Protein backbone atom coordinates (compact mmCIF):
# COMPACT_ATOMS: atom_id res chain seq x y z
CA UNK A 1 110.61 -111.07 65.97
CA UNK A 2 108.79 -114.24 64.97
CA UNK A 3 110.47 -116.85 62.82
CA UNK A 4 107.28 -117.04 60.68
CA UNK A 5 108.21 -116.60 57.02
CA UNK A 6 106.03 -114.72 54.62
CA UNK A 7 104.18 -117.18 52.37
CA UNK A 8 101.07 -116.23 50.38
CA UNK A 9 99.28 -119.51 51.08
CA UNK A 10 99.93 -119.26 54.83
CA UNK A 11 98.66 -115.69 55.07
CA UNK A 12 95.63 -116.58 52.91
CA UNK A 13 94.70 -119.27 55.41
CA UNK A 14 95.17 -116.93 58.38
CA UNK A 15 93.14 -114.17 56.70
CA UNK A 16 90.29 -116.59 55.94
CA UNK A 17 90.33 -117.80 59.53
CA UNK A 18 90.47 -114.46 61.32
CA UNK A 19 88.93 -112.04 58.82
CA UNK A 20 85.66 -113.71 57.54
CA UNK A 21 83.19 -111.57 55.64
CA UNK A 22 79.72 -111.19 57.25
CA UNK A 23 77.26 -111.39 54.37
CA UNK A 24 74.43 -109.92 56.52
CA UNK A 25 76.36 -106.69 57.01
CA UNK A 26 76.72 -106.01 53.30
CA UNK A 27 75.39 -102.47 52.71
CA UNK A 28 72.40 -102.02 50.42
CA UNK A 29 72.56 -98.34 49.50
CA UNK A 30 73.89 -95.00 50.70
CA UNK A 31 71.58 -92.11 51.76
CA UNK A 32 72.05 -88.63 53.21
CA UNK A 33 69.87 -87.33 56.03
CA UNK A 34 69.61 -84.73 58.77
CA UNK A 35 69.86 -85.71 62.43
CA UNK A 36 66.40 -84.98 63.82
CA UNK A 37 67.00 -86.30 67.35
CA UNK A 38 69.69 -88.11 69.34
CA UNK A 39 69.76 -89.85 72.71
CA UNK A 40 72.37 -91.99 74.43
CA UNK A 41 71.46 -95.05 72.37
CA UNK A 42 70.15 -93.99 68.97
CA UNK A 43 69.97 -91.07 66.60
CA UNK A 44 67.18 -90.59 64.04
CA UNK A 45 67.76 -89.12 60.59
CA UNK A 46 65.22 -87.64 58.22
CA UNK A 47 66.25 -88.73 54.75
CA UNK A 48 63.16 -87.62 52.80
CA UNK A 49 59.54 -88.70 53.01
CA UNK A 50 58.66 -91.19 54.21
CA UNK A 51 62.22 -92.33 55.11
CA UNK A 52 63.41 -92.29 58.76
CA UNK A 53 66.75 -93.91 59.48
CA UNK A 54 67.92 -95.09 62.91
CA UNK A 55 71.66 -95.07 63.63
CA UNK A 56 73.59 -96.03 66.81
CA UNK A 57 74.63 -92.88 68.66
CA UNK A 58 78.16 -94.31 69.15
CA UNK A 59 78.66 -94.04 65.40
CA UNK A 60 77.77 -90.34 65.43
CA UNK A 61 79.90 -89.10 68.31
CA UNK A 62 81.27 -86.25 66.26
CA UNK A 63 77.82 -85.07 65.06
CA UNK A 64 74.98 -83.04 66.64
CA UNK A 65 71.25 -82.61 65.97
CA UNK A 66 70.74 -80.69 62.75
CA UNK A 67 73.94 -81.99 61.14
CA UNK A 68 73.74 -83.63 57.76
CA UNK A 69 75.31 -87.06 57.57
CA UNK A 70 75.68 -89.85 55.06
CA UNK A 71 74.93 -93.45 56.07
CA UNK A 72 74.52 -96.89 54.54
CA UNK A 73 71.14 -98.62 54.83
CA UNK A 74 71.96 -102.01 56.31
CA UNK A 75 68.45 -103.21 57.35
CA UNK A 76 64.96 -102.23 58.50
CA UNK A 77 62.80 -102.48 61.62
CA UNK A 78 59.40 -103.73 60.46
CA UNK A 79 57.76 -103.05 63.84
CA UNK A 80 58.70 -99.41 63.88
CA UNK A 81 58.65 -99.09 60.11
CA UNK A 82 62.04 -97.42 60.00
CA UNK A 83 65.30 -98.19 58.24
CA UNK A 84 68.52 -99.11 60.03
CA UNK A 85 71.59 -97.17 58.97
CA UNK A 86 75.30 -97.32 59.69
CA UNK A 87 77.68 -94.40 59.61
CA UNK A 88 80.48 -96.81 60.44
CA UNK A 89 79.83 -98.62 57.17
CA UNK A 90 80.31 -95.41 55.25
CA UNK A 91 83.51 -94.63 57.10
CA UNK A 92 84.68 -98.20 56.56
CA UNK A 93 83.96 -97.91 52.84
CA UNK A 94 85.85 -94.63 52.72
CA UNK A 95 88.61 -96.15 54.82
CA UNK A 96 88.90 -99.10 52.46
CA UNK A 97 89.46 -96.70 49.58
CA UNK A 98 92.14 -94.96 51.64
CA UNK A 99 93.77 -98.34 52.29
CA UNK A 100 93.81 -99.12 48.57
CA UNK A 101 95.43 -95.75 47.95
CA UNK A 102 97.94 -96.41 50.73
CA UNK A 103 98.75 -99.80 49.16
CA UNK A 104 99.34 -98.22 45.76
CA UNK A 105 101.45 -95.37 47.13
CA UNK A 106 103.18 -97.42 49.87
CA UNK A 107 102.01 -94.84 52.40
CA UNK A 108 102.48 -95.44 56.12
CA UNK A 109 99.15 -95.48 58.01
CA UNK A 110 98.36 -95.47 61.74
CA UNK A 111 96.04 -98.00 63.36
CA UNK A 112 95.16 -99.49 66.72
CA UNK A 113 95.83 -103.06 67.81
CA UNK A 114 92.41 -104.25 68.98
CA UNK A 115 93.07 -107.91 69.60
CA UNK A 116 95.84 -110.49 69.91
CA UNK A 117 95.08 -113.74 68.12
CA UNK A 118 96.94 -116.92 67.33
CA UNK A 119 99.48 -115.99 64.69
CA UNK A 120 99.33 -112.23 65.07
CA UNK A 121 97.09 -109.24 65.79
CA UNK A 122 93.90 -107.55 64.54
CA UNK A 123 94.61 -103.91 63.70
CA UNK A 124 91.92 -101.31 62.92
CA UNK A 125 92.87 -98.66 60.35
CA UNK A 126 90.33 -96.22 58.89
CA UNK A 127 87.52 -98.29 60.49
CA UNK A 128 88.77 -101.38 58.67
CA UNK A 129 90.13 -104.43 60.48
CA UNK A 130 93.24 -106.02 59.08
CA UNK A 131 95.66 -108.78 60.04
CA UNK A 132 99.18 -108.11 61.34
CA UNK A 133 101.15 -111.41 61.48
CA UNK A 134 103.69 -111.97 64.23
CA UNK A 135 106.48 -112.22 61.66
CA UNK A 136 105.69 -108.71 60.37
CA UNK A 137 104.82 -107.12 63.71
CA UNK A 138 108.28 -106.35 65.14
CA UNK A 139 106.70 -107.22 68.51
CA UNK A 140 108.39 -109.79 70.80
CA UNK A 141 106.01 -112.70 71.35
CA UNK A 142 106.28 -112.44 75.14
CA UNK A 143 105.25 -108.77 75.05
CA UNK A 144 102.28 -109.13 72.66
CA UNK A 145 99.56 -108.61 75.28
CA UNK A 146 101.09 -105.30 76.29
CA UNK A 147 100.53 -103.90 72.79
CA UNK A 148 96.77 -104.49 72.66
CA UNK A 149 95.07 -101.06 72.64
CA UNK A 150 98.19 -99.22 71.43
CA UNK A 151 98.59 -97.38 68.16
CA UNK A 152 101.10 -98.64 65.61
CA UNK A 153 102.33 -97.47 62.23
CA UNK A 154 101.96 -100.05 59.46
CA UNK A 155 102.12 -100.47 55.70
CA UNK A 156 99.32 -102.12 53.73
CA UNK A 157 101.11 -105.23 52.56
CA UNK A 158 98.29 -106.78 50.55
CA UNK A 159 94.50 -106.59 50.04
CA UNK A 160 92.81 -109.87 49.18
CA UNK A 161 89.34 -110.37 47.79
CA UNK A 162 86.41 -109.60 50.09
CA UNK A 163 88.36 -106.73 51.62
CA UNK A 164 90.85 -108.84 53.53
CA UNK A 165 93.77 -106.59 54.50
CA UNK A 166 97.28 -107.67 55.44
CA UNK A 167 99.40 -105.18 57.42
CA UNK A 168 103.17 -105.07 58.02
CA UNK A 169 105.00 -103.16 60.69
CA UNK A 170 108.32 -104.64 59.68
CA UNK A 171 108.11 -102.94 56.29
CA UNK A 172 107.66 -99.59 58.03
CA UNK A 173 110.83 -100.22 60.04
CA UNK A 174 112.68 -101.37 56.92
CA UNK A 175 111.49 -98.35 54.95
CA UNK A 176 112.65 -95.94 57.62
CA UNK A 177 115.90 -97.80 58.11
CA UNK A 178 116.64 -97.65 54.39
CA UNK A 179 115.72 -93.97 54.29
CA UNK A 180 118.05 -93.26 57.20
CA UNK A 181 120.74 -95.51 55.73
CA UNK A 182 120.76 -93.49 52.52
CA UNK A 183 121.54 -90.34 54.47
CA UNK A 184 124.68 -91.86 56.05
CA UNK A 185 128.13 -92.43 54.62
CA UNK A 186 131.49 -93.72 55.79
CA UNK A 187 133.28 -91.25 58.02
CA UNK A 188 130.11 -89.65 59.39
CA UNK A 189 130.11 -89.03 63.14
CA UNK A 190 126.81 -90.04 64.73
CA UNK A 191 125.25 -90.37 68.16
CA UNK A 192 124.08 -93.81 69.24
CA UNK A 193 122.21 -95.19 72.23
CA UNK A 194 123.68 -98.26 73.93
CA UNK A 195 121.01 -100.97 73.96
CA UNK A 196 123.09 -103.98 75.01
CA UNK A 197 126.57 -104.56 76.44
CA UNK A 198 128.34 -107.74 75.32
CA UNK A 199 131.75 -109.08 76.29
CA UNK A 200 133.06 -108.25 72.82
CA UNK A 201 131.27 -105.00 72.03
CA UNK A 202 128.36 -102.56 72.32
CA UNK A 203 125.01 -102.99 70.54
CA UNK A 204 123.57 -99.57 69.73
CA UNK A 205 120.62 -97.82 68.14
CA UNK A 206 121.23 -95.02 65.63
CA UNK A 207 117.79 -93.58 65.01
CA UNK A 208 115.96 -96.63 63.63
CA UNK A 209 119.16 -98.40 62.63
CA UNK A 210 121.22 -100.93 64.50
CA UNK A 211 124.84 -100.18 65.23
CA UNK A 212 127.73 -102.05 66.77
CA UNK A 213 131.02 -100.99 68.35
CA UNK A 214 133.54 -103.82 68.58
CA UNK A 215 135.60 -103.82 71.78
CA UNK A 216 138.72 -103.14 69.70
CA UNK A 217 137.12 -99.90 68.43
CA UNK A 218 136.21 -98.49 71.84
CA UNK A 219 139.61 -97.10 72.75
CA UNK A 220 143.21 -97.07 71.55
CA UNK A 221 144.21 -98.63 74.85
CA UNK A 222 143.35 -102.23 75.63
CA UNK A 223 139.77 -102.56 76.87
CA UNK A 224 138.74 -105.54 78.97
CA UNK A 225 135.50 -104.84 80.87
CA UNK A 226 132.90 -102.90 78.89
CA UNK A 227 130.24 -103.26 81.59
CA UNK A 228 132.35 -101.21 83.96
CA UNK A 229 132.67 -98.45 81.35
CA UNK A 230 129.16 -98.14 79.87
CA UNK A 231 125.49 -98.37 80.81
CA UNK A 232 122.45 -99.35 78.76
CA UNK A 233 120.72 -96.16 77.60
CA UNK A 234 123.95 -94.18 77.52
CA UNK A 235 124.47 -91.97 74.46
CA UNK A 236 127.85 -92.36 72.76
CA UNK A 237 129.50 -90.87 69.67
CA UNK A 238 131.27 -92.84 66.97
CA UNK A 239 132.54 -92.64 63.43
CA UNK A 240 130.92 -94.87 60.79
CA UNK A 241 133.55 -97.33 59.56
CA UNK A 242 131.30 -99.86 57.80
CA UNK A 243 127.75 -99.88 56.35
CA UNK A 244 125.93 -103.14 55.55
CA UNK A 245 122.87 -102.27 53.37
CA UNK A 246 121.54 -105.83 53.31
CA UNK A 247 121.41 -106.13 57.06
CA UNK A 248 120.91 -102.38 57.51
CA UNK A 249 123.64 -102.50 60.12
CA UNK A 250 126.35 -99.96 60.90
CA UNK A 251 129.73 -100.47 62.53
CA UNK A 252 131.08 -97.59 64.57
CA UNK A 253 134.46 -96.66 65.98
CA UNK A 254 134.75 -94.53 69.09
CA UNK A 255 138.53 -94.46 69.05
CA UNK A 256 138.49 -93.03 65.51
CA UNK A 257 137.31 -89.74 67.03
CA UNK A 258 140.60 -89.49 68.90
CA UNK A 259 143.98 -89.19 67.23
CA UNK A 260 145.99 -92.40 67.20
CA UNK A 261 148.25 -92.07 70.27
CA UNK A 262 150.96 -94.04 68.47
CA UNK A 263 151.14 -91.23 65.90
CA UNK A 264 151.62 -88.80 68.77
CA UNK A 265 154.22 -91.11 70.31
CA UNK A 266 156.16 -91.27 67.01
CA UNK A 267 156.43 -87.48 67.10
CA UNK A 268 157.32 -87.38 70.79
CA UNK A 269 159.65 -90.28 71.58
CA UNK A 270 162.81 -91.80 70.15
CA UNK A 271 165.10 -94.72 70.96
CA UNK A 272 167.38 -93.77 73.83
CA UNK A 273 164.94 -91.34 75.44
CA UNK A 274 164.51 -91.52 79.21
CA UNK A 275 160.80 -90.97 79.88
CA UNK A 276 158.32 -91.21 82.78
CA UNK A 277 155.61 -93.86 82.74
CA UNK A 278 153.08 -95.68 84.87
CA UNK A 279 153.10 -99.40 85.68
CA UNK A 280 149.79 -100.90 84.43
CA UNK A 281 150.35 -104.64 84.70
CA UNK A 282 152.86 -107.23 85.92
CA UNK A 283 153.15 -110.53 84.06
CA UNK A 284 155.49 -113.49 84.39
CA UNK A 285 157.83 -112.19 81.71
CA UNK A 286 157.87 -108.50 82.58
CA UNK A 287 155.97 -105.30 83.32
CA UNK A 288 153.81 -103.07 81.07
CA UNK A 289 154.41 -99.34 81.32
CA UNK A 290 152.02 -96.70 79.94
CA UNK A 291 153.78 -93.66 78.47
CA UNK A 292 150.66 -92.06 76.91
CA UNK A 293 146.98 -92.91 77.10
CA UNK A 294 146.84 -95.90 74.73
CA UNK A 295 150.61 -96.34 74.37
CA UNK A 296 152.17 -99.11 76.46
CA UNK A 297 155.62 -100.65 76.36
CA UNK A 298 157.16 -103.73 77.96
CA UNK A 299 160.07 -104.00 80.35
CA UNK A 300 161.23 -107.56 79.91
CA UNK A 301 162.27 -109.30 83.12
CA UNK A 302 165.83 -109.36 81.79
CA UNK A 303 165.89 -105.55 81.55
CA UNK A 304 165.47 -104.77 85.25
CA UNK A 305 169.05 -105.53 86.31
CA UNK A 306 172.40 -106.12 84.59
CA UNK A 307 173.03 -109.43 86.30
CA UNK A 308 171.65 -112.58 84.73
CA UNK A 309 170.14 -113.83 87.94
CA UNK A 310 166.32 -114.07 87.80
CA UNK A 311 164.91 -111.00 89.48
CA UNK A 312 161.78 -110.50 91.56
CA UNK A 313 159.93 -107.71 89.75
CA UNK A 314 158.02 -106.77 92.90
CA UNK A 315 161.31 -105.57 94.34
CA UNK A 316 161.55 -103.04 91.51
CA UNK A 317 157.99 -101.98 90.56
CA UNK A 318 154.35 -102.34 91.57
CA UNK A 319 151.14 -101.65 89.63
CA UNK A 320 150.40 -97.94 89.80
CA UNK A 321 154.03 -96.89 90.37
CA UNK A 322 155.40 -93.91 88.47
CA UNK A 323 158.78 -94.93 87.04
CA UNK A 324 161.45 -93.61 84.70
CA UNK A 325 162.39 -95.93 81.84
CA UNK A 326 164.64 -95.89 78.79
CA UNK A 327 163.31 -96.61 75.29
CA UNK A 328 165.39 -99.43 73.79
CA UNK A 329 163.21 -100.40 70.81
CA UNK A 330 160.46 -98.35 69.13
CA UNK A 331 158.39 -99.19 66.04
CA UNK A 332 155.18 -97.07 66.23
CA UNK A 333 153.72 -98.44 62.97
CA UNK A 334 153.76 -101.90 64.52
CA UNK A 335 152.86 -100.57 67.98
CA UNK A 336 156.03 -102.10 69.37
CA UNK A 337 157.75 -100.42 72.31
CA UNK A 338 160.47 -102.01 74.41
CA UNK A 339 161.70 -100.35 77.59
CA UNK A 340 164.39 -100.92 80.18
CA UNK A 341 165.35 -99.87 83.69
CA UNK A 342 168.85 -101.31 83.84
CA UNK A 343 169.78 -99.19 80.81
CA UNK A 344 169.38 -96.06 82.95
CA UNK A 345 172.76 -96.89 84.50
CA UNK A 346 176.11 -98.03 83.11
CA UNK A 347 176.59 -101.76 82.71
CA UNK A 348 178.80 -102.64 85.69
CA UNK A 349 180.11 -105.66 83.83
CA UNK A 350 181.80 -103.54 81.16
CA UNK A 351 184.85 -103.01 83.40
CA UNK A 352 184.29 -105.94 85.75
CA UNK A 353 187.59 -107.50 84.67
CA UNK A 354 189.44 -104.62 86.30
CA UNK A 355 187.20 -104.01 89.30
CA UNK A 356 186.40 -107.61 90.19
CA UNK A 357 189.59 -109.48 89.29
CA UNK A 358 190.35 -112.70 91.13
CA UNK A 359 191.82 -111.98 94.55
CA UNK A 360 190.00 -108.65 94.97
CA UNK A 361 188.53 -108.17 98.44
CA UNK A 362 184.96 -106.77 98.40
CA UNK A 363 182.15 -106.00 100.82
CA UNK A 364 178.41 -106.41 100.26
CA UNK A 365 175.06 -107.26 101.83
CA UNK A 366 173.35 -110.64 101.73
CA UNK A 367 170.26 -110.32 99.49
CA UNK A 368 169.30 -113.99 99.15
CA UNK A 369 169.96 -117.20 101.03
CA UNK A 370 169.87 -120.71 99.62
CA UNK A 371 170.44 -124.12 101.25
CA UNK A 372 173.76 -124.30 99.36
CA UNK A 373 174.99 -120.72 99.81
CA UNK A 374 174.26 -116.99 99.75
CA UNK A 375 174.05 -114.16 97.18
CA UNK A 376 175.76 -110.92 98.15
CA UNK A 377 174.96 -107.63 96.39
CA UNK A 378 178.08 -105.62 95.62
CA UNK A 379 176.33 -102.93 93.55
CA UNK A 380 173.19 -102.59 91.43
CA UNK A 381 173.31 -105.41 88.89
CA UNK A 382 176.21 -107.27 90.46
CA UNK A 383 175.66 -110.15 92.86
CA UNK A 384 178.34 -112.54 94.12
CA UNK A 385 177.65 -116.16 95.03
CA UNK A 386 179.39 -117.68 98.05
CA UNK A 387 179.02 -121.42 98.58
CA UNK A 388 178.52 -122.84 102.07
CA UNK A 389 181.90 -124.54 101.84
CA UNK A 390 183.53 -121.12 101.40
CA UNK A 391 182.05 -119.57 104.56
CA UNK A 392 184.79 -120.72 106.96
CA UNK A 393 187.68 -123.18 107.24
CA UNK A 394 186.04 -124.82 110.24
CA UNK A 395 182.61 -124.82 111.80
CA UNK A 396 179.16 -124.14 110.30
CA UNK A 397 178.77 -120.41 109.80
CA UNK A 398 175.29 -119.09 108.89
CA UNK A 399 174.18 -115.80 107.34
CA UNK A 400 170.83 -114.02 106.97
CA UNK A 401 169.49 -111.42 104.55
CA UNK A 402 170.88 -108.00 105.39
CA UNK A 403 174.14 -109.24 106.89
CA UNK A 404 177.20 -107.38 105.66
CA UNK A 405 180.06 -109.66 104.67
CA UNK A 406 183.59 -109.26 103.41
CA UNK A 407 184.93 -111.79 100.92
CA UNK A 408 187.58 -112.42 98.30
CA UNK A 409 186.79 -112.95 94.59
CA UNK A 410 187.82 -116.49 93.64
CA UNK A 411 186.07 -116.80 90.24
CA UNK A 412 185.02 -114.34 87.48
CA UNK A 413 182.97 -115.32 84.40
CA UNK A 414 182.39 -112.29 82.16
CA UNK A 415 180.46 -114.20 79.51
CA UNK A 416 177.84 -115.36 81.99
CA UNK A 417 178.28 -112.29 84.21
CA UNK A 418 178.90 -114.38 87.30
CA UNK A 419 181.12 -113.82 90.32
CA UNK A 420 182.06 -116.32 92.98
CA UNK A 421 183.49 -115.32 96.34
CA UNK A 422 184.99 -116.87 99.43
CA UNK A 423 184.90 -115.62 102.99
CA UNK A 424 187.32 -118.20 104.35
CA UNK A 425 189.96 -117.18 101.81
CA UNK A 426 190.38 -113.90 103.68
CA UNK A 427 192.45 -115.90 106.22
CA UNK A 428 195.19 -118.50 105.81
CA UNK A 429 193.98 -122.07 105.78
CA UNK A 430 194.62 -124.31 108.80
CA UNK A 431 196.58 -126.58 106.47
CA UNK A 432 199.01 -123.80 105.54
CA UNK A 433 199.56 -123.06 109.20
CA UNK A 434 199.96 -126.73 110.01
CA UNK A 435 202.42 -127.22 107.13
CA UNK A 436 204.56 -124.45 108.54
CA UNK A 437 204.30 -125.68 112.12
CA UNK A 438 205.06 -129.38 111.64
CA UNK A 439 207.85 -131.32 109.99
CA UNK A 440 208.56 -134.98 109.35
CA UNK A 441 210.07 -136.50 112.49
CA UNK A 442 208.13 -134.31 114.90
CA UNK A 443 206.63 -136.22 117.82
CA UNK A 444 203.20 -135.12 118.97
CA UNK A 445 200.74 -136.23 121.60
CA UNK A 446 197.16 -135.64 120.40
CA UNK A 447 193.58 -136.71 121.05
CA UNK A 448 192.04 -139.54 119.04
CA UNK A 449 189.14 -138.06 117.08
CA UNK A 450 187.78 -141.02 115.16
CA UNK A 451 188.51 -144.75 114.90
CA UNK A 452 188.08 -146.66 111.66
CA UNK A 453 189.05 -150.22 110.72
CA UNK A 454 191.87 -148.84 108.58
CA UNK A 455 193.30 -146.40 111.10
CA UNK A 456 193.04 -143.62 113.63
CA UNK A 457 192.23 -139.92 112.98
CA UNK A 458 193.74 -137.51 115.49
CA UNK A 459 193.08 -133.80 116.16
CA UNK A 460 196.33 -132.26 115.00
CA UNK A 461 195.15 -128.63 114.69
CA UNK A 462 191.69 -126.98 114.36
CA UNK A 463 190.61 -127.96 110.85
CA UNK A 464 193.59 -130.30 110.31
CA UNK A 465 193.51 -133.99 111.15
CA UNK A 466 196.40 -136.42 111.26
CA UNK A 467 196.10 -140.06 110.22
CA UNK A 468 197.71 -143.14 111.78
CA UNK A 469 197.24 -146.26 109.61
CA UNK A 470 196.07 -149.34 111.53
CA UNK A 471 199.40 -151.15 111.00
CA UNK A 472 201.22 -148.14 112.50
CA UNK A 473 199.00 -147.71 115.55
CA UNK A 474 201.12 -149.98 117.77
CA UNK A 475 204.16 -152.25 117.70
CA UNK A 476 201.73 -154.93 118.81
CA UNK A 477 199.49 -156.74 116.35
CA UNK A 478 195.95 -155.45 116.90
CA UNK A 479 193.06 -157.08 115.08
CA UNK A 480 190.44 -154.56 116.20
CA UNK A 481 191.64 -151.02 116.96
CA UNK A 482 188.53 -150.33 119.04
CA UNK A 483 189.59 -153.01 121.51
CA UNK A 484 192.69 -150.96 122.39
CA UNK A 485 191.73 -147.37 121.61
CA UNK A 486 188.80 -145.08 122.45
CA UNK A 487 187.90 -141.65 120.94
CA UNK A 488 189.24 -139.03 123.34
CA UNK A 489 192.32 -141.04 124.33
CA UNK A 490 195.65 -139.29 123.96
CA UNK A 491 198.18 -140.99 121.72
CA UNK A 492 201.83 -140.21 121.03
CA UNK A 493 203.06 -140.59 117.45
CA UNK A 494 205.71 -139.40 115.07
CA UNK A 495 205.04 -137.51 111.81
CA UNK A 496 206.35 -139.71 109.02
CA UNK A 497 204.85 -137.96 105.95
CA UNK A 498 203.52 -134.52 104.95
CA UNK A 499 201.72 -134.45 101.52
CA UNK A 500 201.12 -130.80 100.59
CA UNK A 501 199.14 -131.60 97.42
CA UNK A 502 196.73 -133.92 99.17
CA UNK A 503 196.86 -131.86 102.37
CA UNK A 504 197.53 -135.00 104.39
CA UNK A 505 199.78 -135.70 107.39
CA UNK A 506 200.59 -139.33 108.24
CA UNK A 507 201.88 -140.42 111.64
CA UNK A 508 203.13 -143.62 113.24
CA UNK A 509 202.90 -144.65 116.90
CA UNK A 510 204.61 -147.93 116.10
CA UNK A 511 207.77 -146.29 114.75
CA UNK A 512 207.97 -144.05 117.79
CA UNK A 513 207.65 -147.09 120.06
CA UNK A 514 210.39 -148.98 118.18
CA UNK A 515 212.65 -145.91 118.22
CA UNK A 516 212.19 -145.54 121.96
CA UNK A 517 212.98 -149.21 122.46
CA UNK A 518 216.17 -148.90 120.39
CA UNK A 519 217.20 -145.86 122.37
CA UNK A 520 216.73 -147.73 125.66
CA UNK A 521 218.86 -150.62 124.40
CA UNK A 522 221.59 -148.25 123.29
CA UNK A 523 221.60 -146.56 126.68
CA UNK A 524 221.81 -149.96 128.54
CA UNK A 525 224.57 -151.18 126.28
CA UNK A 526 226.56 -148.09 126.86
CA UNK A 527 226.06 -148.22 130.59
CA UNK A 528 226.22 -151.94 131.39
CA UNK A 529 227.52 -153.48 128.24
CA UNK A 530 224.29 -155.47 127.80
CA UNK A 531 221.00 -154.84 126.08
CA UNK A 532 217.67 -155.01 127.78
CA UNK A 533 217.03 -158.36 126.17
CA UNK A 534 220.19 -159.84 127.77
CA UNK A 535 219.45 -158.76 131.32
């Protein structure tokens, strides 16, 4: 539709420009005659002596020789001494009277678009040409040429002096729209044709009226892609939920024709029910489950398993899966539905204090590995964490997903629902064994494992090292231990201290050397009466 606004002065100028009055064609008088002869070009009427009137045959297509016809005398041919008549002028005069009647009665008339001009169209109605402006034509500007030669229904908007006629097609549309609008009321169910599909709704045509279905009124279930659901030209049904008389626009609801599924759900479900559903979507915080068409609930990520460890939802459900869920919260008036999977089974943490007390030996499968440890599944909802340092007393043990392991519970936190286990605690520690095996005063010969500035570390037992301080490494004064000792060398020393709290065993090679020297001197003195220093 054009943006041209209706202004009397503007239309007056357009009418004067495109609808000038030809003074030469003004009729003189009207006569009635009988068609005496007719050829392809002219017809001749006898209208009384001595009057012969010539009329163009095109204007008498619906007449034959012998018919009586009324014409206007519009001129004369002096050479042939005959008058020139026009049947078209009579029809135009009659048509003009019909147009005046149509204007008074606001009657719709039918005409033909004969020409497209700047600013609008020339339309012939009842043999009268009138002006149809673009702004009143209801014809898209780009399609104007396609309408030339077609018939249109118009209202006579105005008749100016000198028979200048202004037509309006928009008023016809408005009149019919208003007439149709008056027949409709809220709650009526109507058929509509889809004329345009937008991201947020459907533009429709209801007879001559415009309609619109917002995306939220298409279905009770969430709708996202209307173009995949509808096609232009498709006929739909909807209930009228709003009428705008000023804009002559109607809002429809398709979902209103179907009972609210939440009302059905309120009659069907209750909190605590275990019901089947279908997984429709996975999001970061949970999964949506459809119980009825248009009724969806959420399983929060925390409601998949009883443990508080973050779960991978893909291990439990996938889109399209049929699952059984338990209703934990239900407020149909607010369309709120909360579901759970873990609630289908008893909370294993309710009696965890009895079943998983510290010191209990359990078996499970590795379900997750981390750089710092592993998670072992004991039962659904209960995972135990075992740190790397609790794998073994010695060595670097590694585990992979699926491995079955036995362990001892070393920590239980009911508030946080956490268990910690230890594999190495299934056996006695090397320190316990070493503490039972060795005593202060024992003399051992062991391999030097490591040399530091402050002393020597020796391999006492697997997983248990002994320590010889630098000042106890030899009876000799040694500035740099590495000058005298090498890792791998065997050294003899005496255990001089066992610290159970610090799990530390201290030895002395120096004491052993002094003791041996004293023993030699005692033996010499007893045998010869002299010490080794006196010999």
